[in-house]
Amino acid sequence: MGAYERLVAEDDDSHDGKLVDAQHRAKRRRLVREKLERLLWILASVALVSFGDGAYNLVTLVLHRYNEARSVSACFLNVHLHLC
């Protein structure tokens, strides 16, 4: 497989639009590749969050800590309002 070389359109019409068509195909291939890469990153992050290291369910752990933090914050706010 050869090295990647970006295609550049020329001003003369000697290529009958072949170069421009090749640019459009290259752009579409790049867009498809980028979308597939994004999808793979999303799937990898979902798998990481879902499975984690197997010791803890990461989603449950994060939600549990969020609820704890929210209840502690509400407690401090309640005490602060009553003391002031």
PDB file of N, CA and C in Angstrom:
ATOM      1  N   MET A   1       0.845  -1.167   0.000  1.00  0.00           N
ATOM      2  CA  MET A   1       0.000   0.000   0.000  1.00  0.00           C
ATOM      3  C   MET A   1       0.891   1.229   0.000  1.00  0.00           C
ATOM      4  N   GLY A   2       0.661   2.136  -0.908  1.00  0.00           N
ATOM      5  CA  GLY A   2       1.501   3.314  -1.046  1.00  0.00           C
ATOM      6  C   GLY A   2       1.204   4.352   0.014  1.00  0.00           C
ATOM      7  N   ALA A   3       2.047   5.338   0.070  1.00  0.00           N
ATOM      8  CA  ALA A   3       1.875   6.422   1.030  1.00  0.00           C
ATOM      9  C   ALA A   3       0.664   7.260   0.631  1.00  0.00           C
ATOM     10  N   TYR A   4       0.023   7.814   1.622  1.00  0.00           N
ATOM     11  CA  TYR A   4      -1.148   8.641   1.377  1.00  0.00           C
ATOM     12  C   TYR A   4      -0.718   9.978   0.796  1.00  0.00           C
ATOM     13  N   GLU A   5      -1.375  10.400  -0.256  1.00  0.00           N
ATOM     14  CA  GLU A   5      -1.079  11.691  -0.861  1.00  0.00           C
ATOM     15  C   GLU A   5      -2.393  12.397  -1.107  1.00  0.00           C
ATOM     16  N   ARG A   6      -2.537  13.578  -0.540  1.00  0.00           N
ATOM     17  CA  ARG A   6      -3.771  14.341  -0.698  1.00  0.00           C
ATOM     18  C   ARG A   6      -3.897  14.807  -2.142  1.00  0.00           C
ATOM     19  N   LEU A   7      -5.095  14.661  -2.698  1.00  0.00           N
ATOM     20  CA  LEU A   7      -5.338  15.065  -4.072  1.00  0.00           C
ATOM     21  C   LEU A   7      -5.662  16.551  -4.134  1.00  0.00           C
ATOM     22  N   VAL A   8      -5.101  17.220  -5.121  1.00  0.00           N
ATOM     23  CA  VAL A   8      -5.341  18.653  -5.296  1.00  0.00           C
ATOM     24  C   VAL A   8      -5.829  18.870  -6.723  1.00  0.00           C
ATOM     25  N   ALA A   9      -6.944  19.581  -6.851  1.00  0.00           N
ATOM     26  CA  ALA A   9      -7.496  19.848  -8.182  1.00  0.00           C
ATOM     27  C   ALA A   9      -6.648  20.894  -8.893  1.00  0.00           C
ATOM     28  N   GLU A  10      -6.519  20.717 -10.182  1.00  0.00           N
ATOM     29  CA  GLU A  10      -5.780  21.670 -11.002  1.00  0.00           C
ATOM     30  C   GLU A  10      -6.775  22.507 -11.788  1.00  0.00           C
ATOM     31  N   ASP A  11      -6.313  23.637 -12.270  1.00  0.00           N
ATOM     32  CA  ASP A  11      -7.201  24.553 -12.991  1.00  0.00           C
ATOM     33  C   ASP A  11      -7.475  24.116 -14.429  1.00  0.00           C
ATOM     34  N   ASP A  12      -6.563  23.404 -15.058  1.00  0.00           N
ATOM     35  CA  ASP A  12      -6.784  23.018 -16.448  1.00  0.00           C
ATOM     36  C   ASP A  12      -7.771  21.852 -16.537  1.00  0.00           C
ATOM     37  N   ASP A  13      -8.436  21.734 -17.680  1.00  0.00           N
ATOM     38  CA  ASP A  13      -9.460  20.712 -17.878  1.00  0.00           C
ATOM     39  C   ASP A  13      -8.907  19.464 -18.560  1.00  0.00           C
ATOM     40  N   SER A  14      -7.618  19.204 -18.442  1.00  0.00           N
ATOM     41  CA  SER A  14      -7.019  18.077 -19.146  1.00  0.00           C
ATOM     42  C   SER A  14      -7.403  16.728 -18.535  1.00  0.00           C
ATOM     43  N   HIS A  15      -7.917  16.711 -17.332  1.00  0.00           N
ATOM     44  CA  HIS A  15      -8.238  15.452 -16.667  1.00  0.00           C
ATOM     45  C   HIS A  15      -9.703  15.062 -16.815  1.00  0.00           C
ATOM     46  N   ASP A  16     -10.508  15.892 -17.405  1.00  0.00           N
ATOM     47  CA  ASP A  16     -11.931  15.619 -17.647  1.00  0.00           C
ATOM     48  C   ASP A  16     -12.683  15.319 -16.352  1.00  0.00           C
ATOM     49  N   GLY A  17     -12.314  15.950 -15.273  1.00  0.00           N
ATOM     50  CA  GLY A  17     -13.034  15.792 -14.018  1.00  0.00           C
ATOM     51  C   GLY A  17     -12.668  14.554 -13.225  1.00  0.00           C
ATOM     52  N   LYS A  18     -11.733  13.751 -13.706  1.00  0.00           N
ATOM     53  CA  LYS A  18     -11.356  12.537 -12.978  1.00  0.00           C
ATOM     54  C   LYS A  18     -10.728  12.872 -11.635  1.00  0.00           C
ATOM     55  N   LEU A  19      -9.933  13.932 -11.627  1.00  0.00           N
ATOM     56  CA  LEU A  19      -9.267  14.321 -10.389  1.00  0.00           C
ATOM     57  C   LEU A  19     -10.271  14.818  -9.360  1.00  0.00           C
ATOM     58  N   VAL A  20     -11.231  15.588  -9.825  1.00  0.00           N
ATOM     59  CA  VAL A  20     -12.263  16.102  -8.915  1.00  0.00           C
ATOM     60  C   VAL A  20     -13.107  14.950  -8.376  1.00  0.00           C
ATOM     61  N   ASP A  21     -13.443  13.990  -9.237  1.00  0.00           N
ATOM     62  CA  ASP A  21     -14.193  12.814  -8.784  1.00  0.00           C
ATOM     63  C   ASP A  21     -13.390  12.020  -7.762  1.00  0.00           C
ATOM     64  N   ALA A  22     -12.109  11.893  -7.997  1.00  0.00           N
ATOM     65  CA  ALA A  22     -11.250  11.182  -7.040  1.00  0.00           C
ATOM     66  C   ALA A  22     -11.210  11.908  -5.711  1.00  0.00           C
ATOM     67  N   GLN A  23     -11.218  13.239  -5.746  1.00  0.00           N
ATOM     68  CA  GLN A  23     -11.246  14.014  -4.499  1.00  0.00           C
ATOM     69  C   GLN A  23     -12.546  13.773  -3.744  1.00  0.00           C
ATOM     70  N   HIS A  24     -13.655  13.753  -4.456  1.00  0.00           N
ATOM     71  CA  HIS A  24     -14.945  13.517  -3.805  1.00  0.00           C
ATOM     72  C   HIS A  24     -15.004  12.118  -3.191  1.00  0.00           C
ATOM     73  N   ARG A  25     -14.481  11.130  -3.918  1.00  0.00           N
ATOM     74  CA  ARG A  25     -14.447   9.777  -3.369  1.00  0.00           C
ATOM     75  C   ARG A  25     -13.550   9.699  -2.134  1.00  0.00           C
ATOM     76  N   ALA A  26     -12.411  10.372  -2.189  1.00  0.00           N
ATOM     77  CA  ALA A  26     -11.501  10.383  -1.048  1.00  0.00           C
ATOM     78  C   ALA A  26     -12.147  11.063   0.149  1.00  0.00           C
ATOM     79  N   LYS A  27     -12.882  12.127  -0.098  1.00  0.00           N
ATOM     80  CA  LYS A  27     -13.564  12.840   0.998  1.00  0.00           C
ATOM     81  C   LYS A  27     -14.640  11.950   1.615  1.00  0.00           C
ATOM     82  N   ARG A  28     -15.411  11.251   0.788  1.00  0.00           N
ATOM     83  CA  ARG A  28     -16.442  10.350   1.307  1.00  0.00           C
ATOM     84  C   ARG A  28     -15.833   9.212   2.112  1.00  0.00           C
ATOM     85  N   ARG A  29     -14.720   8.644   1.604  1.00  0.00           N
ATOM     86  CA  ARG A  29     -14.043   7.572   2.342  1.00  0.00           C
ATOM     87  C   ARG A  29     -13.551   8.077   3.698  1.00  0.00           C
ATOM     88  N   ARG A  30     -12.998   9.292   3.714  1.00  0.00           N
ATOM     89  CA  ARG A  30     -12.518   9.859   4.972  1.00  0.00           C
ATOM     90  C   ARG A  30     -13.667  10.071   5.953  1.00  0.00           C
ATOM     91  N   LEU A  31     -14.795  10.578   5.465  1.00  0.00           N
ATOM     92  CA  LEU A  31     -15.946  10.804   6.337  1.00  0.00           C
ATOM     93  C   LEU A  31     -16.478   9.491   6.908  1.00  0.00           C
ATOM     94  N   VAL A  32     -16.548   8.462   6.067  1.00  0.00           N
ATOM     95  CA  VAL A  32     -17.015   7.153   6.537  1.00  0.00           C
ATOM     96  C   VAL A  32     -16.055   6.589   7.573  1.00  0.00           C
ATOM     97  N   ARG A  33     -14.749   6.704   7.300  1.00  0.00           N
ATOM     98  CA  ARG A  33     -13.748   6.207   8.246  1.00  0.00           C
ATOM     99  C   ARG A  33     -13.843   6.945   9.583  1.00  0.00           C
ATOM    100  N   GLU A  34     -14.033   8.279   9.545  1.00  0.00           N
ATOM    101  CA  GLU A  34     -14.152   9.042  10.785  1.00  0.00           C
ATOM    102  C   GLU A  34     -15.396   8.640  11.566  1.00  0.00           C
ATOM    103  N   LYS A  35     -16.503   8.413  10.861  1.00  0.00           N
ATOM    104  CA  LYS A  35     -17.729   8.002  11.550  1.00  0.00           C
ATOM    105  C   LYS A  35     -17.567   6.626  12.186  1.00  0.00           C
ATOM    106  N   LEU A  36     -16.911   5.715  11.481  1.00  0.00           N
ATOM    107  CA  LEU A  36     -16.664   4.389  12.049  1.00  0.00           C
ATOM    108  C   LEU A  36     -15.748   4.466  13.269  1.00  0.00           C
ATOM    109  N   GLU A  37     -14.728   5.320  13.196  1.00  0.00           N
ATOM    110  CA  GLU A  37     -13.840   5.490  14.346  1.00  0.00           C
ATOM    111  C   GLU A  37     -14.603   6.037  15.549  1.00  0.00           C
ATOM    112  N   ARG A  38     -15.457   7.017  15.311  1.00  0.00           N
ATOM    113  CA  ARG A  38     -16.264   7.575  16.409  1.00  0.00           C
ATOM    114  C   ARG A  38     -17.167   6.504  17.019  1.00  0.00           C
ATOM    115  N   LEU A  39     -17.794   5.713  16.167  1.00  0.00           N
ATOM    116  CA  LEU A  39     -18.659   4.648  16.651  1.00  0.00           C
ATOM    117  C   LEU A  39     -17.872   3.643  17.480  1.00  0.00           C
ATOM    118  N   LEU A  40     -16.677   3.280  17.023  1.00  0.00           N
ATOM    119  CA  LEU A  40     -15.848   2.342  17.778  1.00  0.00           C
ATOM    120  C   LEU A  40     -15.433   2.923  19.128  1.00  0.00           C
ATOM    121  N   TRP A  41     -15.101   4.206  19.181  1.00  0.00           N
ATOM    122  CA  TRP A  41     -14.740   4.834  20.466  1.00  0.00           C
ATOM    123  C   TRP A  41     -15.943   4.836  21.419  1.00  0.00           C
ATOM    124  N   ILE A  42     -17.126   5.108  20.888  1.00  0.00           N
ATOM    125  CA  ILE A  42     -18.328   5.105  21.724  1.00  0.00           C
ATOM    126  C   ILE A  42     -18.593   3.699  22.254  1.00  0.00           C
ATOM    127  N   LEU A  43     -18.493   2.698  21.377  1.00  0.00           N
ATOM    128  CA  LEU A  43     -18.705   1.316  21.814  1.00  0.00           C
ATOM    129  C   LEU A  43     -17.656   0.887  22.838  1.00  0.00           C
ATOM    130  N   ALA A  44     -16.406   1.314  22.639  1.00  0.00           N
ATOM    131  CA  ALA A  44     -15.356   0.972  23.596  1.00  0.00           C
ATOM    132  C   ALA A  44     -15.618   1.621  24.945  1.00  0.00           C
ATOM    133  N   SER A  45     -16.078   2.863  24.956  1.00  0.00           N
ATOM    134  CA  SER A  45     -16.349   3.529  26.234  1.00  0.00           C
ATOM    135  C   SER A  45     -17.554   2.908  26.933  1.00  0.00           C
ATOM    136  N   VAL A  46     -18.571   2.526  26.164  1.00  0.00           N
ATOM    137  CA  VAL A  46     -19.728   1.854  26.763  1.00  0.00           C
ATOM    138  C   VAL A  46     -19.311   0.510  27.360  1.00  0.00           C
ATOM    139  N   ALA A  47     -18.467  -0.221  26.640  1.00  0.00           N
ATOM    140  CA  ALA A  47     -17.991  -1.512  27.148  1.00  0.00           C
ATOM    141  C   ALA A  47     -17.162  -1.313  28.408  1.00  0.00           C
ATOM    142  N   LEU A  48     -16.335  -0.279  28.419  1.00  0.00           N
ATOM    143  CA  LEU A  48     -15.504  -0.016  29.595  1.00  0.00           C
ATOM    144  C   LEU A  48     -16.361   0.335  30.805  1.00  0.00           C
ATOM    145  N   VAL A  49     -17.360   1.166  30.599  1.00  0.00           N
ATOM    146  CA  VAL A  49     -18.237   1.548  31.707  1.00  0.00           C
ATOM    147  C   VAL A  49     -19.085   0.364  32.148  1.00  0.00           C
ATOM    148  N   SER A  50     -19.573  -0.411  31.212  1.00  0.00           N
ATOM    149  CA  SER A  50     -20.457  -1.530  31.540  1.00  0.00           C
ATOM    150  C   SER A  50     -19.723  -2.652  32.258  1.00  0.00           C
ATOM    151  N   PHE A  51     -18.578  -3.043  31.723  1.00  0.00           N
ATOM    152  CA  PHE A  51     -17.886  -4.197  32.280  1.00  0.00           C
ATOM    153  C   PHE A  51     -16.842  -3.805  33.313  1.00  0.00           C
ATOM    154  N   GLY A  52     -16.134  -2.712  33.094  1.00  0.00           N
ATOM    155  CA  GLY A  52     -15.117  -2.265  34.023  1.00  0.00           C
ATOM    156  C   GLY A  52     -14.110  -3.363  34.301  1.00  0.00           C
ATOM    157  N   ASP A  53     -13.714  -3.487  35.553  1.00  0.00           N
ATOM    158  CA  ASP A  53     -12.774  -4.548  35.909  1.00  0.00           C
ATOM    159  C   ASP A  53     -13.498  -5.773  36.445  1.00  0.00           C
ATOM    160  N   GLY A  54     -14.806  -5.736  36.482  1.00  0.00           N
ATOM    161  CA  GLY A  54     -15.585  -6.876  36.938  1.00  0.00           C
ATOM    162  C   GLY A  54     -15.861  -6.862  38.431  1.00  0.00           C
ATOM    163  N   ALA A  55     -15.141  -6.046  39.176  1.00  0.00           N
ATOM    164  CA  ALA A  55     -15.337  -5.999  40.621  1.00  0.00           C
ATOM    165  C   ALA A  55     -16.548  -5.146  40.984  1.00  0.00           C
ATOM    166  N   TYR A  56     -16.760  -4.067  40.271  1.00  0.00           N
ATOM    167  CA  TYR A  56     -17.861  -3.151  40.558  1.00  0.00           C
ATOM    168  C   TYR A  56     -18.603  -2.833  39.270  1.00  0.00           C
ATOM    169  N   ASN A  57     -19.884  -2.603  39.393  1.00  0.00           N
ATOM    170  CA  ASN A  57     -20.652  -2.086  38.280  1.00  0.00           C
ATOM    171  C   ASN A  57     -20.464  -0.583  38.294  1.00  0.00           C
ATOM    172  N   LEU A  58     -19.731  -0.048  37.333  1.00  0.00           N
ATOM    173  CA  LEU A  58     -19.332   1.348  37.342  1.00  0.00           C
ATOM    174  C   LEU A  58     -20.528   2.297  37.298  1.00  0.00           C
ATOM    175  N   VAL A  59     -21.552   1.951  36.541  1.00  0.00           N
ATOM    176  CA  VAL A  59     -22.732   2.814  36.447  1.00  0.00           C
ATOM    177  C   VAL A  59     -23.414   2.929  37.805  1.00  0.00           C
ATOM    178  N   THR A  60     -23.615   1.805  38.477  1.00  0.00           N
ATOM    179  CA  THR A  60     -24.245   1.817  39.795  1.00  0.00           C
ATOM    180  C   THR A  60     -23.377   2.565  40.797  1.00  0.00           C
ATOM    181  N   LEU A  61     -22.086   2.365  40.742  1.00  0.00           N
ATOM    182  CA  LEU A  61     -21.170   3.033  41.655  1.00  0.00           C
ATOM    183  C   LEU A  61     -21.217   4.546  41.486  1.00  0.00           C
ATOM    184  N   VAL A  62     -21.191   5.017  40.244  1.00  0.00           N
ATOM    185  CA  VAL A  62     -21.226   6.456  39.984  1.00  0.00           C
ATOM    186  C   VAL A  62     -22.556   7.046  40.434  1.00  0.00           C
ATOM    187  N   LEU A  63     -23.663   6.386  40.120  1.00  0.00           N
ATOM    188  CA  LEU A  63     -24.966   6.908  40.533  1.00  0.00           C
ATOM    189  C   LEU A  63     -25.114   6.903  42.049  1.00  0.00           C
ATOM    190  N   HIS A  64     -24.601   5.868  42.702  1.00  0.00           N
ATOM    191  CA  HIS A  64     -24.681   5.786  44.153  1.00  0.00           C
ATOM    192  C   HIS A  64     -23.878   6.919  44.798  1.00  0.00           C
ATOM    193  N   ARG A  65     -22.679   7.159  44.284  1.00  0.00           N
ATOM    194  CA  ARG A  65     -21.861   8.253  44.825  1.00  0.00           C
ATOM    195  C   ARG A  65     -22.496   9.600  44.535  1.00  0.00           C
ATOM    196  N   TYR A  66     -23.136   9.756  43.384  1.00  0.00           N
ATOM    197  CA  TYR A  66     -23.805  11.013  43.070  1.00  0.00           C
ATOM    198  C   TYR A  66     -24.944  11.255  44.057  1.00  0.00           C
ATOM    199  N   ASN A  67     -25.723  10.216  44.337  1.00  0.00           N
ATOM    200  CA  ASN A  67     -26.824  10.364  45.291  1.00  0.00           C
ATOM    201  C   ASN A  67     -26.291  10.672  46.687  1.00  0.00           C
ATOM    202  N   GLU A  68     -25.187  10.037  47.080  1.00  0.00           N
ATOM    203  CA  GLU A  68     -24.585  10.339  48.377  1.00  0.00           C
ATOM    204  C   GLU A  68     -24.108  11.779  48.432  1.00  0.00           C
ATOM    205  N   ALA A  69     -23.433  12.212  47.389  1.00  0.00           N
ATOM    206  CA  ALA A  69     -22.921  13.579  47.363  1.00  0.00           C
ATOM    207  C   ALA A  69     -24.059  14.584  47.384  1.00  0.00           C
ATOM    208  N   ARG A  70     -25.139  14.261  46.694  1.00  0.00           N
ATOM    209  CA  ARG A  70     -26.288  15.170  46.675  1.00  0.00           C
ATOM    210  C   ARG A  70     -26.942  15.234  48.045  1.00  0.00           C
ATOM    211  N   SER A  71     -27.065  14.100  48.733  1.00  0.00           N
ATOM    212  CA  SER A  71     -27.687  14.109  50.054  1.00  0.00           C
ATOM    213  C   SER A  71     -26.797  14.813  51.072  1.00  0.00           C
ATOM    214  N   VAL A  72     -25.466  14.644  50.965  1.00  0.00           N
ATOM    215  CA  VAL A  72     -24.553  15.340  51.878  1.00  0.00           C
ATOM    216  C   VAL A  72     -24.616  16.836  51.628  1.00  0.00           C
ATOM    217  N   SER A  73     -24.657  17.244  50.372  1.00  0.00           N
ATOM    218  CA  SER A  73     -24.751  18.670  50.042  1.00  0.00           C
ATOM    219  C   SER A  73     -26.061  19.248  50.566  1.00  0.00           C
ATOM    220  N   ALA A  74     -27.152  18.510  50.409  1.00  0.00           N
ATOM    221  CA  ALA A  74     -28.446  18.981  50.915  1.00  0.00           C
ATOM    222  C   ALA A  74     -28.417  19.096  52.434  1.00  0.00           C
ATOM    223  N   CYS A  75     -27.739  18.169  53.093  1.00  0.00           N
ATOM    224  CA  CYS A  75     -27.639  18.211  54.550  1.00  0.00           C
ATOM    225  C   CYS A  75     -26.873  19.457  54.990  1.00  0.00           C
ATOM    226  N   PHE A  76     -25.731  19.719  54.362  1.00  0.00           N
ATOM    227  CA  PHE A  76     -24.955  20.911  54.720  1.00  0.00           C
ATOM    228  C   PHE A  76     -25.722  22.186  54.424  1.00  0.00           C
ATOM    229  N   LEU A  77     -26.445  22.236  53.332  1.00  0.00           N
ATOM    230  CA  LEU A  77     -27.241  23.409  52.998  1.00  0.00           C
ATOM    231  C   LEU A  77     -28.344  23.601  54.029  1.00  0.00           C
ATOM    232  N   ASN A  78     -28.983  22.522  54.452  1.00  0.00           N
ATOM    233  CA  ASN A  78     -30.033  22.597  55.441  1.00  0.00           C
ATOM    234  C   ASN A  78     -29.489  23.111  56.775  1.00  0.00           C
ATOM    235  N   VAL A  79     -28.348  22.595  57.206  1.00  0.00           N
ATOM    236  CA  VAL A  79     -27.740  23.044  58.466  1.00  0.00           C
ATOM    237  C   VAL A  79     -27.342  24.501  58.370  1.00  0.00           C
ATOM    238  N   HIS A  80     -26.784  24.898  57.236  1.00  0.00           N
ATOM    239  CA  HIS A  80     -26.357  26.275  57.043  1.00  0.00           C
ATOM    240  C   HIS A  80     -27.548  27.220  57.099  1.00  0.00           C
ATOM    241  N   LEU A  81     -28.653  26.830  56.476  1.00  0.00           N
ATOM    242  CA  LEU A  81     -29.838  27.703  56.477  1.00  0.00           C
ATOM    243  C   LEU A  81     -30.435  27.823  57.868  1.00  0.00           C
ATOM    244  N   HIS A  82     -30.384  26.746  58.645  1.00  0.00           N
ATOM    245  CA  HIS A  82     -30.949  26.811  59.996  1.00  0.00           C
ATOM    246  C   HIS A  82     -30.069  27.578  60.956  1.00  0.00           C
ATOM    247  N   LEU A  83     -28.789  27.567  60.763  1.00  0.00           N
ATOM    248  CA  LEU A  83     -27.880  28.272  61.657  1.00  0.00           C
ATOM    249  C   LEU A  83     -27.787  29.765  61.343  1.00  0.00           C
ATOM    250  N   CYS A  84     -28.055  30.141  60.139  1.00  0.00           N
ATOM    251  CA  CYS A  84     -27.902  31.558  59.776  1.00  0.00           C
ATOM    252  C   CYS A  84     -29.167  32.339  59.951  1.00  0.00           C
TER     253      CYS A  84
END
